[in-house]
Amino acid sequence: MTWRNLIALIGASICAIWFMLIAYPSPSVNAEPPQKGCVAVSKQEYDSAKAKVAAYAV
């Protein structure tokens, strides 16, 4: 591969990445607020509820 081909490949890659970043913005741009009933919980509360659900699934 010649230097000219390598530089062209790098340029094309940079353009492709730039296009993807511009054309497909992050999903957080149009993020919706949490639904009714969603609350923040501590890790301990989360783990406890997860263990209870796992116990019922058996």
C-alpha atoms as a PDB file:
ATOM      1  CA  MET A   1       0.000   0.000   0.000  1.00  0.00           C
ATOM      2  CA  THR A   2       1.454   3.344  -0.975  1.00  0.00           C
ATOM      3  CA  TRP A   3       1.462   6.411   1.222  1.00  0.00           C
ATOM      4  CA  ARG A   4      -1.079   8.072  -1.082  1.00  0.00           C
ATOM      5  CA  ASN A   5      -3.499   5.164  -0.660  1.00  0.00           C
ATOM      6  CA  LEU A   6      -2.970   5.142   3.096  1.00  0.00           C
ATOM      7  CA  ILE A   7      -3.682   8.863   3.398  1.00  0.00           C
ATOM      8  CA  ALA A   8      -6.800   8.488   1.208  1.00  0.00           C
ATOM      9  CA  LEU A   9      -8.015   5.594   3.383  1.00  0.00           C
ATOM     10  CA  ILE A  10      -7.493   7.579   6.586  1.00  0.00           C
ATOM     11  CA  GLY A  11      -9.281  10.590   5.093  1.00  0.00           C
ATOM     12  CA  ALA A  12     -12.226   8.477   3.978  1.00  0.00           C
ATOM     13  CA  SER A  13     -12.441   6.881   7.426  1.00  0.00           C
ATOM     14  CA  ILE A  14     -12.455  10.249   9.164  1.00  0.00           C
ATOM     15  CA  CYS A  15     -15.191  11.499   6.836  1.00  0.00           C
ATOM     16  CA  ALA A  16     -17.290   8.395   7.453  1.00  0.00           C
ATOM     17  CA  ILE A  17     -16.984   8.735  11.229  1.00  0.00           C
ATOM     18  CA  TRP A  18     -17.803  12.444  11.062  1.00  0.00           C
ATOM     19  CA  PHE A  19     -20.886  11.730   8.934  1.00  0.00           C
ATOM     20  CA  MET A  20     -22.141   9.090  11.388  1.00  0.00           C
ATOM     21  CA  LEU A  21     -21.721  11.425  14.345  1.00  0.00           C
ATOM     22  CA  ILE A  22     -23.613  14.222  12.590  1.00  0.00           C
ATOM     23  CA  ALA A  23     -26.316  12.110  10.920  1.00  0.00           C
ATOM     24  CA  TYR A  24     -27.102   9.941  13.949  1.00  0.00           C
ATOM     25  CA  PRO A  25     -27.033  12.111  17.076  1.00  0.00           C
ATOM     26  CA  SER A  26     -27.005  10.656  20.528  1.00  0.00           C
ATOM     27  CA  PRO A  27     -30.357   9.292  21.778  1.00  0.00           C
ATOM     28  CA  SER A  28     -30.043  11.482  24.864  1.00  0.00           C
ATOM     29  CA  VAL A  29     -30.714  14.565  22.728  1.00  0.00           C
ATOM     30  CA  ASN A  30     -34.446  13.761  22.636  1.00  0.00           C
ATOM     31  CA  ALA A  31     -34.648  11.961  25.956  1.00  0.00           C
ATOM     32  CA  GLU A  32     -38.015  11.883  27.673  1.00  0.00           C
ATOM     33  CA  PRO A  33     -38.452  12.461  31.400  1.00  0.00           C
ATOM     34  CA  PRO A  34     -38.969   9.396  33.613  1.00  0.00           C
ATOM     35  CA  GLN A  35     -42.469   7.931  33.607  1.00  0.00           C
ATOM     36  CA  LYS A  36     -44.907   8.408  36.448  1.00  0.00           C
ATOM     37  CA  GLY A  37     -44.019   6.120  39.327  1.00  0.00           C
ATOM     38  CA  CYS A  38     -40.276   6.017  38.645  1.00  0.00           C
ATOM     39  CA  VAL A  39     -38.250   6.847  41.728  1.00  0.00           C
ATOM     40  CA  ALA A  40     -34.590   6.798  42.640  1.00  0.00           C
ATOM     41  CA  VAL A  41     -33.599   4.017  45.036  1.00  0.00           C
ATOM     42  CA  SER A  42     -30.410   3.072  46.783  1.00  0.00           C
ATOM     43  CA  LYS A  43     -28.331   0.121  45.615  1.00  0.00           C
ATOM     44  CA  GLN A  44     -29.298  -1.764  48.778  1.00  0.00           C
ATOM     45  CA  GLU A  45     -33.025  -1.322  48.058  1.00  0.00           C
ATOM     46  CA  TYR A  46     -32.505  -2.358  44.432  1.00  0.00           C
ATOM     47  CA  ASP A  47     -30.562  -5.496  45.372  1.00  0.00           C
ATOM     48  CA  SER A  48     -33.169  -6.428  47.992  1.00  0.00           C
ATOM     49  CA  ALA A  49     -36.029  -6.114  45.500  1.00  0.00           C
ATOM     50  CA  LYS A  50     -34.037  -8.035  42.891  1.00  0.00           C
ATOM     51  CA  ALA A  51     -33.488 -10.878  45.376  1.00  0.00           C
ATOM     52  CA  LYS A  52     -37.223 -10.988  46.207  1.00  0.00           C
ATOM     53  CA  VAL A  53     -38.139 -11.188  42.507  1.00  0.00           C
ATOM     54  CA  ALA A  54     -35.579 -13.949  42.001  1.00  0.00           C
ATOM     55  CA  ALA A  55     -37.066 -15.881  44.956  1.00  0.00           C
ATOM     56  CA  TYR A  56     -40.565 -15.735  43.439  1.00  0.00           C
ATOM     57  CA  ALA A  57     -39.291 -16.842  40.034  1.00  0.00           C
ATOM     58  CA  VAL A  58     -38.131 -20.196  41.413  1.00  0.00           C
END
